[in-house]
Amino acid sequence: MTNVVEVKVGLHCDECIKKIFKAIKKIEDIETYNVDKQLNKVIVTGNVTTEEVIRVLQKNGKNATPWEDVQAQPNS
């Protein structure tokens, strides 16, 4: 089953983004991944859950939040 997982992650520099891509590539069963620097958003599609993506990013020292939670907080 293909899911679209969207998480908020601090994308401060190209080095951060490289680390994020490297971490995401290790997740099994992903089809595509993308980064939106403007929104600090990482989008992953594939047979993957939001929890898996967040866990992998956190292991790499990145603080990740489900995108739904970000949208639910006005003025944050």
N, C-alpha and C. Protein backbone atom coordinates (compact mmCIF):
# COMPACT_ATOMS: atom_id res chain seq x y z
N MET A 1 0.84 -1.19 0.00
CA MET A 1 0.00 0.00 0.00
C MET A 1 0.88 1.25 0.00
N THR A 2 0.53 2.22 -0.80
CA THR A 2 1.32 3.44 -0.87
C THR A 2 0.71 4.53 0.00
N ASN A 3 1.52 5.05 0.89
CA ASN A 3 1.12 6.17 1.73
C ASN A 3 1.94 7.39 1.33
N VAL A 4 1.39 8.56 1.62
CA VAL A 4 2.16 9.79 1.48
C VAL A 4 2.37 10.31 2.89
N VAL A 5 3.63 10.36 3.30
CA VAL A 5 3.98 10.81 4.64
C VAL A 5 4.60 12.20 4.53
N GLU A 6 4.06 13.14 5.31
CA GLU A 6 4.59 14.50 5.32
C GLU A 6 4.98 14.86 6.74
N VAL A 7 6.23 15.28 6.91
CA VAL A 7 6.70 15.67 8.23
C VAL A 7 7.43 17.01 8.16
N LYS A 8 7.39 17.71 9.28
CA LYS A 8 8.10 18.99 9.38
C LYS A 8 9.46 18.71 10.02
N VAL A 9 10.50 19.18 9.37
CA VAL A 9 11.87 18.99 9.86
C VAL A 9 12.63 20.29 9.60
N GLY A 10 13.51 20.66 10.49
CA GLY A 10 14.32 21.86 10.25
C GLY A 10 15.31 21.61 9.13
N LEU A 11 15.15 22.32 8.03
CA LEU A 11 16.06 22.18 6.88
C LEU A 11 16.93 23.43 6.81
N HIS A 12 17.99 23.43 7.61
CA HIS A 12 18.76 24.66 7.76
C HIS A 12 19.78 24.87 6.65
N CYS A 13 20.34 23.78 6.14
CA CYS A 13 21.40 23.93 5.15
C CYS A 13 21.43 22.70 4.25
N ASP A 14 22.20 22.77 3.19
CA ASP A 14 22.30 21.65 2.26
C ASP A 14 22.83 20.40 2.95
N GLU A 15 23.71 20.61 3.93
CA GLU A 15 24.27 19.47 4.66
C GLU A 15 23.16 18.72 5.41
N CYS A 16 22.24 19.49 6.03
CA CYS A 16 21.10 18.88 6.74
C CYS A 16 20.26 18.07 5.75
N ILE A 17 20.01 18.66 4.60
CA ILE A 17 19.15 18.01 3.62
C ILE A 17 19.81 16.72 3.12
N LYS A 18 21.12 16.76 2.91
CA LYS A 18 21.84 15.55 2.49
C LYS A 18 21.69 14.45 3.53
N LYS A 19 21.82 14.82 4.81
CA LYS A 19 21.69 13.84 5.89
C LYS A 19 20.28 13.24 5.90
N ILE A 20 19.29 14.11 5.69
CA ILE A 20 17.89 13.65 5.68
C ILE A 20 17.67 12.68 4.53
N PHE A 21 18.15 13.04 3.34
CA PHE A 21 18.00 12.14 2.18
C PHE A 21 18.68 10.80 2.43
N LYS A 22 19.86 10.85 3.00
CA LYS A 22 20.61 9.63 3.27
C LYS A 22 19.83 8.73 4.22
N ALA A 23 19.25 9.34 5.26
CA ALA A 23 18.48 8.58 6.24
C ALA A 23 17.22 7.99 5.60
N ILE A 24 16.53 8.80 4.80
CA ILE A 24 15.28 8.35 4.19
C ILE A 24 15.52 7.22 3.20
N LYS A 25 16.63 7.31 2.47
CA LYS A 25 16.95 6.27 1.47
C LYS A 25 17.06 4.89 2.10
N LYS A 26 17.39 4.84 3.38
CA LYS A 26 17.56 3.55 4.06
C LYS A 26 16.24 2.90 4.43
N ILE A 27 15.15 3.66 4.38
CA ILE A 27 13.84 3.09 4.71
C ILE A 27 13.42 2.15 3.59
N GLU A 28 12.96 0.98 3.96
CA GLU A 28 12.53 0.01 2.95
C GLU A 28 11.19 0.42 2.35
N ASP A 29 10.99 0.04 1.10
CA ASP A 29 9.70 0.21 0.41
C ASP A 29 9.29 1.66 0.17
N ILE A 30 10.26 2.58 0.07
CA ILE A 30 9.86 3.94 -0.30
C ILE A 30 9.94 4.07 -1.82
N GLU A 31 9.06 4.88 -2.35
CA GLU A 31 9.02 5.09 -3.80
C GLU A 31 9.66 6.42 -4.16
N THR A 32 9.21 7.49 -3.52
CA THR A 32 9.78 8.80 -3.80
C THR A 32 9.95 9.57 -2.51
N TYR A 33 10.82 10.55 -2.54
CA TYR A 33 10.95 11.46 -1.40
C TYR A 33 11.32 12.82 -1.95
N ASN A 34 10.91 13.83 -1.22
CA ASN A 34 11.13 15.19 -1.67
C ASN A 34 11.23 16.10 -0.46
N VAL A 35 11.78 17.27 -0.69
CA VAL A 35 11.94 18.24 0.38
C VAL A 35 11.42 19.59 -0.10
N ASP A 36 10.68 20.27 0.76
CA ASP A 36 10.25 21.63 0.47
C ASP A 36 10.97 22.54 1.47
N LYS A 37 12.04 23.19 1.00
CA LYS A 37 12.85 24.02 1.89
C LYS A 37 12.06 25.18 2.49
N GLN A 38 11.18 25.76 1.70
CA GLN A 38 10.40 26.91 2.16
C GLN A 38 9.54 26.55 3.37
N LEU A 39 8.94 25.36 3.32
CA LEU A 39 8.02 24.95 4.38
C LEU A 39 8.68 24.08 5.45
N ASN A 40 9.97 23.75 5.27
CA ASN A 40 10.64 22.80 6.17
C ASN A 40 9.87 21.49 6.20
N LYS A 41 9.53 21.00 5.02
CA LYS A 41 8.67 19.83 4.91
C LYS A 41 9.37 18.73 4.12
N VAL A 42 9.28 17.50 4.63
CA VAL A 42 9.80 16.33 3.92
C VAL A 42 8.59 15.46 3.55
N ILE A 43 8.54 15.06 2.28
CA ILE A 43 7.43 14.24 1.78
C ILE A 43 8.00 12.92 1.30
N VAL A 44 7.48 11.83 1.84
CA VAL A 44 7.94 10.49 1.46
C VAL A 44 6.73 9.69 1.01
N THR A 45 6.82 9.02 -0.13
CA THR A 45 5.73 8.13 -0.54
C THR A 45 6.26 6.71 -0.61
N GLY A 46 5.38 5.78 -0.31
CA GLY A 46 5.75 4.37 -0.34
C GLY A 46 5.01 3.62 0.75
N ASN A 47 5.43 2.39 0.95
CA ASN A 47 4.82 1.55 1.97
C ASN A 47 5.51 1.87 3.30
N VAL A 48 5.16 3.03 3.85
CA VAL A 48 5.87 3.56 5.01
C VAL A 48 4.87 4.33 5.88
N THR A 49 5.16 4.40 7.17
CA THR A 49 4.27 5.15 8.07
C THR A 49 4.97 6.43 8.53
N THR A 50 4.18 7.35 9.00
CA THR A 50 4.72 8.61 9.54
C THR A 50 5.69 8.30 10.68
N GLU A 51 5.32 7.33 11.53
CA GLU A 51 6.16 6.98 12.68
C GLU A 51 7.53 6.50 12.22
N GLU A 52 7.56 5.66 11.16
CA GLU A 52 8.84 5.15 10.66
C GLU A 52 9.74 6.29 10.20
N VAL A 53 9.17 7.21 9.43
CA VAL A 53 9.95 8.33 8.90
C VAL A 53 10.48 9.18 10.05
N ILE A 54 9.63 9.49 11.02
CA ILE A 54 10.05 10.30 12.16
C ILE A 54 11.14 9.59 12.96
N ARG A 55 10.97 8.29 13.17
CA ARG A 55 11.96 7.52 13.94
C ARG A 55 13.33 7.57 13.26
N VAL A 56 13.35 7.38 11.95
CA VAL A 56 14.61 7.41 11.20
C VAL A 56 15.26 8.79 11.28
N LEU A 57 14.46 9.83 11.14
CA LEU A 57 15.00 11.19 11.21
C LEU A 57 15.51 11.51 12.61
N GLN A 58 14.77 11.07 13.63
CA GLN A 58 15.19 11.35 15.01
C GLN A 58 16.49 10.63 15.34
N LYS A 59 16.65 9.42 14.79
CA LYS A 59 17.89 8.67 14.99
C LYS A 59 19.08 9.46 14.44
N ASN A 60 18.82 10.26 13.44
CA ASN A 60 19.86 11.07 12.82
C ASN A 60 19.92 12.48 13.41
N GLY A 61 19.30 12.65 14.57
CA GLY A 61 19.39 13.92 15.28
C GLY A 61 18.49 15.02 14.74
N LYS A 62 17.49 14.62 13.94
CA LYS A 62 16.56 15.61 13.38
C LYS A 62 15.25 15.55 14.14
N ASN A 63 14.76 16.70 14.55
CA ASN A 63 13.48 16.75 15.25
C ASN A 63 12.38 16.82 14.20
N ALA A 64 11.58 15.78 14.09
CA ALA A 64 10.53 15.72 13.06
C ALA A 64 9.16 15.67 13.71
N THR A 65 8.20 16.34 13.09
CA THR A 65 6.83 16.40 13.59
C THR A 65 5.88 16.04 12.45
N PRO A 66 4.84 15.24 12.71
CA PRO A 66 3.87 14.96 11.64
C PRO A 66 3.27 16.26 11.13
N TRP A 67 3.13 16.37 9.82
CA TRP A 67 2.64 17.61 9.21
C TRP A 67 1.24 17.96 9.70
N GLU A 68 0.41 16.95 9.96
CA GLU A 68 -0.97 17.22 10.44
C GLU A 68 -0.91 17.99 11.76
N ASP A 69 0.06 17.63 12.63
CA ASP A 69 0.18 18.30 13.92
C ASP A 69 0.58 19.76 13.73
N VAL A 70 1.41 20.02 12.74
CA VAL A 70 1.87 21.38 12.46
C VAL A 70 0.68 22.22 12.01
N GLN A 71 -0.13 21.67 11.11
CA GLN A 71 -1.29 22.40 10.60
C GLN A 71 -2.33 22.62 11.68
N ALA A 72 -2.37 21.74 12.67
CA ALA A 72 -3.39 21.85 13.73
C ALA A 72 -3.05 22.97 14.72
N GLN A 73 -1.83 23.49 14.65
CA GLN A 73 -1.41 24.55 15.59
C GLN A 73 -1.40 25.89 14.88
N PRO A 74 -2.43 26.68 15.04
CA PRO A 74 -2.42 27.99 14.41
C PRO A 74 -1.37 28.88 15.05
N ASN A 75 -0.82 29.76 14.26
CA ASN A 75 0.19 30.74 14.73
C ASN A 75 1.44 30.15 15.32
N SER A 76 1.83 28.95 14.88
CA SER A 76 3.07 28.39 15.45
C SER A 76 4.22 28.61 14.50
